[in-house]
PDB file of N, CA and C in Angstrom:
ATOM      1  N   MET A   1      11.874  -1.635   4.642  1.00  0.00           N
ATOM      2  CA  MET A   1      10.571  -1.434   5.410  1.00  0.00           C
ATOM      3  C   MET A   1       9.550  -2.299   4.475  1.00  0.00           C
ATOM      4  N   ALA A   2       8.627  -2.852   5.315  1.00  0.00           N
ATOM      5  CA  ALA A   2       7.679  -3.758   4.452  1.00  0.00           C
ATOM      6  C   ALA A   2       6.439  -2.858   4.090  1.00  0.00           C
ATOM      7  N   LEU A   3       6.035  -3.231   2.811  1.00  0.00           N
ATOM      8  CA  LEU A   3       4.900  -2.729   2.261  1.00  0.00           C
ATOM      9  C   LEU A   3       3.743  -3.399   2.127  1.00  0.00           C
ATOM     10  N   VAL A   4       2.472  -2.763   2.411  1.00  0.00           N
ATOM     11  CA  VAL A   4       1.331  -3.570   2.332  1.00  0.00           C
ATOM     12  C   VAL A   4       0.225  -2.947   1.564  1.00  0.00           C
ATOM     13  N   VAL A   5      -0.729  -3.557   0.977  1.00  0.00           N
ATOM     14  CA  VAL A   5      -1.709  -2.949   0.237  1.00  0.00           C
ATOM     15  C   VAL A   5      -3.093  -3.386   0.834  1.00  0.00           C
ATOM     16  N   ARG A   6      -3.957  -2.436   0.955  1.00  0.00           N
ATOM     17  CA  ARG A   6      -5.175  -2.719   1.692  1.00  0.00           C
ATOM     18  C   ARG A   6      -6.158  -3.421   0.624  1.00  0.00           C
ATOM     19  N   LEU A   7      -6.826  -4.534   1.187  1.00  0.00           N
ATOM     20  CA  LEU A   7      -7.429  -5.369   0.250  1.00  0.00           C
ATOM     21  C   LEU A   7      -8.874  -5.470   0.886  1.00  0.00           C
ATOM     22  N   THR A   8      -9.910  -5.286   0.253  1.00  0.00           N
ATOM     23  CA  THR A   8     -11.213  -5.420   0.381  1.00  0.00           C
ATOM     24  C   THR A   8     -11.949  -6.581  -0.445  1.00  0.00           C
ATOM     25  N   LEU A   9     -12.350  -7.590   0.218  1.00  0.00           N
ATOM     26  CA  LEU A   9     -12.815  -8.866  -0.480  1.00  0.00           C
ATOM     27  C   LEU A   9     -13.606  -8.593  -1.739  1.00  0.00           C
ATOM     28  N   GLY A  10     -13.246  -9.095  -2.758  1.00  0.00           N
ATOM     29  CA  GLY A  10     -13.692  -8.953  -3.988  1.00  0.00           C
ATOM     30  C   GLY A  10     -13.602  -7.623  -4.639  1.00  0.00           C
ATOM     31  N   CYS A  11     -12.916  -6.742  -4.165  1.00  0.00           N
ATOM     32  CA  CYS A  11     -12.525  -5.388  -4.862  1.00  0.00           C
ATOM     33  C   CYS A  11     -11.076  -5.367  -5.128  1.00  0.00           C
ATOM     34  N   PRO A  12     -10.707  -4.621  -6.062  1.00  0.00           N
ATOM     35  CA  PRO A  12      -9.176  -4.422  -6.444  1.00  0.00           C
ATOM     36  C   PRO A  12      -8.404  -3.723  -5.237  1.00  0.00           C
ATOM     37  N   PRO A  13      -7.244  -3.589  -5.316  1.00  0.00           N
ATOM     38  CA  PRO A  13      -6.286  -3.115  -4.206  1.00  0.00           C
ATOM     39  C   PRO A  13      -6.772  -1.600  -4.056  1.00  0.00           C
ATOM     40  N   PHE A  14      -6.746  -1.253  -2.699  1.00  0.00           N
ATOM     41  CA  PHE A  14      -7.229   0.142  -2.429  1.00  0.00           C
ATOM     42  C   PHE A  14      -6.241   1.283  -2.288  1.00  0.00           C
ATOM     43  N   ARG A  15      -5.101   0.889  -1.501  1.00  0.00           N
ATOM     44  CA  ARG A  15      -4.065   1.891  -1.376  1.00  0.00           C
ATOM     45  C   ARG A  15      -2.845   1.015  -1.004  1.00  0.00           C
ATOM     46  N   VAL A  16      -1.682   1.822  -1.321  1.00  0.00           N
ATOM     47  CA  VAL A  16      -0.517   1.025  -0.822  1.00  0.00           C
ATOM     48  C   VAL A  16       0.175   1.871   0.422  1.00  0.00           C
ATOM     49  N   HIS A  17       0.588   0.934   1.454  1.00  0.00           N
ATOM     50  CA  HIS A  17       0.750   1.556   2.669  1.00  0.00           C
ATOM     51  C   HIS A  17       2.252   1.145   2.997  1.00  0.00           C
ATOM     52  N   ALA A  18       2.790   2.064   3.823  1.00  0.00           N
ATOM     53  CA  ALA A  18       4.321   1.683   4.510  1.00  0.00           C
ATOM     54  C   ALA A  18       3.902   0.558   5.544  1.00  0.00           C
ATOM     55  N   GLY A  19       4.725  -0.353   5.839  1.00  0.00           N
ATOM     56  CA  GLY A  19       4.509  -1.390   6.868  1.00  0.00           C
ATOM     57  C   GLY A  19       4.174  -0.792   8.054  1.00  0.00           C
ATOM     58  N   ASP A  20       4.590   0.229   8.723  1.00  0.00           N
ATOM     59  CA  ASP A  20       4.424   0.946   9.823  1.00  0.00           C
ATOM     60  C   ASP A  20       3.138   2.053   9.859  1.00  0.00           C
ATOM     61  N   CYS A  21       2.350   2.040   8.891  1.00  0.00           N
ATOM     62  CA  CYS A  21       1.378   3.010   8.748  1.00  0.00           C
ATOM     63  C   CYS A  21       0.362   2.666   9.848  1.00  0.00           C
ATOM     64  N   ARG A  22      -0.224   3.787  10.326  1.00  0.00           N
ATOM     65  CA  ARG A  22      -1.090   3.788  11.539  1.00  0.00           C
ATOM     66  C   ARG A  22      -2.713   3.469  10.701  1.00  0.00           C
ATOM     67  N   ASP A  23      -2.700   3.425   9.468  1.00  0.00           N
ATOM     68  CA  ASP A  23      -3.912   3.227   8.902  1.00  0.00           C
ATOM     69  C   ASP A  23      -4.093   1.799   8.158  1.00  0.00           C
ATOM     70  N   THR A  24      -3.368   1.014   8.575  1.00  0.00           N
ATOM     71  CA  THR A  24      -3.648  -0.530   8.095  1.00  0.00           C
ATOM     72  C   THR A  24      -4.551  -1.249   8.872  1.00  0.00           C
ATOM     73  N   ALA A  25      -5.056  -2.172   8.370  1.00  0.00           N
ATOM     74  CA  ALA A  25      -6.176  -2.970   8.824  1.00  0.00           C
ATOM     75  C   ALA A  25      -5.829  -4.552   8.946  1.00  0.00           C
ATOM     76  N   LYS A  26      -6.947  -5.350   9.162  1.00  0.00           N
ATOM     77  CA  LYS A  26      -6.645  -6.630   9.107  1.00  0.00           C
ATOM     78  C   LYS A  26      -6.777  -7.322   7.505  1.00  0.00           C
ATOM     79  N   ARG A  27      -7.175  -6.257   6.912  1.00  0.00           N
ATOM     80  CA  ARG A  27      -7.261  -6.552   5.281  1.00  0.00           C
ATOM     81  C   ARG A  27      -6.228  -6.190   4.488  1.00  0.00           C
ATOM     82  N   CYS A  28      -4.938  -6.363   5.043  1.00  0.00           N
ATOM     83  CA  CYS A  28      -3.687  -5.953   4.307  1.00  0.00           C
ATOM     84  C   CYS A  28      -3.002  -7.206   4.215  1.00  0.00           C
ATOM     85  N   ALA A  29      -2.198  -7.268   2.967  1.00  0.00           N
ATOM     86  CA  ALA A  29      -1.318  -8.170   2.566  1.00  0.00           C
ATOM     87  C   ALA A  29       0.142  -7.712   2.313  1.00  0.00           C
ATOM     88  N   PRO A  30       1.111  -8.389   2.705  1.00  0.00           N
ATOM     89  CA  PRO A  30       2.528  -7.736   2.485  1.00  0.00           C
ATOM     90  C   PRO A  30       2.932  -7.878   1.094  1.00  0.00           C
ATOM     91  N   LEU A  31       3.605  -6.870   0.491  1.00  0.00           N
ATOM     92  CA  LEU A  31       4.075  -6.889  -0.783  1.00  0.00           C
ATOM     93  C   LEU A  31       5.634  -6.675  -0.855  1.00  0.00           C
ATOM     94  N   SER A  32       6.111  -6.936  -1.813  1.00  0.00           N
ATOM     95  CA  SER A  32       7.700  -6.770  -1.899  1.00  0.00           C
ATOM     96  C   SER A  32       7.605  -5.314  -2.494  1.00  0.00           C
ATOM     97  N   ALA A  33       8.849  -4.621  -2.345  1.00  0.00           N
ATOM     98  CA  ALA A  33       9.034  -3.359  -2.963  1.00  0.00           C
ATOM     99  C   ALA A  33       8.564  -3.194  -4.393  1.00  0.00           C
ATOM    100  N   GLU A  34       9.088  -4.366  -5.174  1.00  0.00           N
ATOM    101  CA  GLU A  34       8.866  -4.287  -6.542  1.00  0.00           C
ATOM    102  C   GLU A  34       7.377  -4.278  -6.931  1.00  0.00           C
ATOM    103  N   GLU A  35       6.513  -5.129  -5.961  1.00  0.00           N
ATOM    104  CA  GLU A  35       5.095  -5.244  -6.217  1.00  0.00           C
ATOM    105  C   GLU A  35       4.455  -3.939  -5.862  1.00  0.00           C
ATOM    106  N   ALA A  36       4.955  -3.333  -4.866  1.00  0.00           N
ATOM    107  CA  ALA A  36       4.237  -2.002  -4.333  1.00  0.00           C
ATOM    108  C   ALA A  36       4.524  -1.062  -5.550  1.00  0.00           C
ATOM    109  N   ARG A  37       5.664  -0.978  -6.086  1.00  0.00           N
ATOM    110  CA  ARG A  37       6.072  -0.081  -7.293  1.00  0.00           C
ATOM    111  C   ARG A  37       5.007  -0.228  -8.440  1.00  0.00           C
ATOM    112  N   GLN A  38       4.794  -1.805  -8.715  1.00  0.00           N
ATOM    113  CA  GLN A  38       3.896  -2.061  -9.796  1.00  0.00           C
ATOM    114  C   GLN A  38       2.668  -1.618  -9.535  1.00  0.00           C
ATOM    115  N   ALA A  39       2.107  -1.742  -8.081  1.00  0.00           N
ATOM    116  CA  ALA A  39       0.847  -1.335  -7.881  1.00  0.00           C
ATOM    117  C   ALA A  39       0.703   0.137  -8.262  1.00  0.00           C
ATOM    118  N   LEU A  40       1.442   0.860  -7.610  1.00  0.00           N
ATOM    119  CA  LEU A  40       1.463   2.476  -7.736  1.00  0.00           C
ATOM    120  C   LEU A  40       1.545   2.723  -9.088  1.00  0.00           C
ATOM    121  N   ALA A  41       2.396   2.148 -10.090  1.00  0.00           N
ATOM    122  CA  ALA A  41       2.354   2.357 -11.440  1.00  0.00           C
ATOM    123  C   ALA A  41       1.109   1.999 -12.158  1.00  0.00           C
ATOM    124  N   GLU A  42       0.191   1.070 -11.577  1.00  0.00           N
ATOM    125  CA  GLU A  42      -0.921   0.757 -12.159  1.00  0.00           C
ATOM    126  C   GLU A  42      -2.115   1.626 -11.673  1.00  0.00           C
ATOM    127  N   GLY A  43      -1.755   2.603 -10.853  1.00  0.00           N
ATOM    128  CA  GLY A  43      -2.724   3.619 -10.529  1.00  0.00           C
ATOM    129  C   GLY A  43      -3.305   3.321  -8.975  1.00  0.00           C
ATOM    130  N   VAL A  44      -2.937   2.413  -8.384  1.00  0.00           N
ATOM    131  CA  VAL A  44      -3.318   2.166  -6.971  1.00  0.00           C
ATOM    132  C   VAL A  44      -2.652   3.316  -6.092  1.00  0.00           C
ATOM    133  N   PRO A  45      -3.407   4.201  -5.482  1.00  0.00           N
ATOM    134  CA  PRO A  45      -2.805   5.428  -4.731  1.00  0.00           C
ATOM    135  C   PRO A  45      -2.114   5.005  -3.585  1.00  0.00           C
ATOM    136  N   ALA A  46      -1.182   5.863  -3.178  1.00  0.00           N
ATOM    137  CA  ALA A  46      -0.271   5.676  -1.943  1.00  0.00           C
ATOM    138  C   ALA A  46      -1.193   6.136  -0.862  1.00  0.00           C
ATOM    139  N   CYS A  47      -1.293   5.839   0.252  1.00  0.00           N
ATOM    140  CA  CYS A  47      -1.981   6.308   1.487  1.00  0.00           C
ATOM    141  C   CYS A  47      -1.586   7.638   1.789  1.00  0.00           C
ATOM    142  N   PRO A  48      -2.487   8.359   1.893  1.00  0.00           N
ATOM    143  CA  PRO A  48      -2.111   9.747   2.212  1.00  0.00           C
ATOM    144  C   PRO A  48      -1.613  10.026   3.480  1.00  0.00           C
ATOM    145  N   HIS A  49      -1.490   9.036   4.651  1.00  0.00           N
ATOM    146  CA  HIS A  49      -0.895   9.266   5.835  1.00  0.00           C
ATOM    147  C   HIS A  49       0.537   8.857   5.896  1.00  0.00           C
ATOM    148  N   CYS A  50       0.976   7.836   5.102  1.00  0.00           N
ATOM    149  CA  CYS A  50       2.182   7.397   5.234  1.00  0.00           C
ATOM    150  C   CYS A  50       3.155   7.565   3.887  1.00  0.00           C
ATOM    151  N   ARG A  51       2.632   8.112   2.820  1.00  0.00           N
ATOM    152  CA  ARG A  51       3.397   8.231   1.623  1.00  0.00           C
ATOM    153  C   ARG A  51       4.481   9.241   1.982  1.00  0.00           C
ATOM    154  N   SER A  52       4.316  10.196   2.740  1.00  0.00           N
ATOM    155  CA  SER A  52       5.687  11.083   3.019  1.00  0.00           C
ATOM    156  C   SER A  52       6.735  10.288   3.723  1.00  0.00           C
ATOM    157  N   ALA A  53       6.285   9.172   4.107  1.00  0.00           N
ATOM    158  CA  ALA A  53       7.294   8.240   4.925  1.00  0.00           C
ATOM    159  C   ALA A  53       8.308   7.331   3.903  1.00  0.00           C
ATOM    160  N   GLY A  54       8.235   7.519   2.651  1.00  0.00           N
ATOM    161  CA  GLY A  54       9.106   6.896   1.874  1.00  0.00           C
ATOM    162  C   GLY A  54       8.455   6.427   0.625  1.00  0.00           C
ATOM    163  N   LEU A  55       7.009   6.317   0.479  1.00  0.00           N
ATOM    164  CA  LEU A  55       6.481   5.848  -0.581  1.00  0.00           C
ATOM    165  C   LEU A  55       6.566   6.964  -1.794  1.00  0.00           C
ATOM    166  N   PRO A  56       6.639   6.523  -3.116  1.00  0.00           N
ATOM    167  CA  PRO A  56       6.619   7.623  -4.038  1.00  0.00           C
ATOM    168  C   PRO A  56       5.099   8.399  -4.143  1.00  0.00           C
ATOM    169  N   GLN A  57       5.179   9.398  -4.601  1.00  0.00           N
ATOM    170  CA  GLN A  57       3.802  10.265  -4.502  1.00  0.00           C
ATOM    171  C   GLN A  57       3.180   9.890  -6.123  1.00  0.00           C
TER     172      GLN A  57
END
């Protein structure tokens, strides 16, 4: 499953999403599983809508 992180121009990453999340937008970029784990470890929160679908909490 592809993972993406929502990006807002000029701002740090906002949330980590599962690739099939309904809350993703055009401002998302693909991440590898390792990059997603790193973002979560650095404090970027998992999306509240899709984290139960396989993202660590």
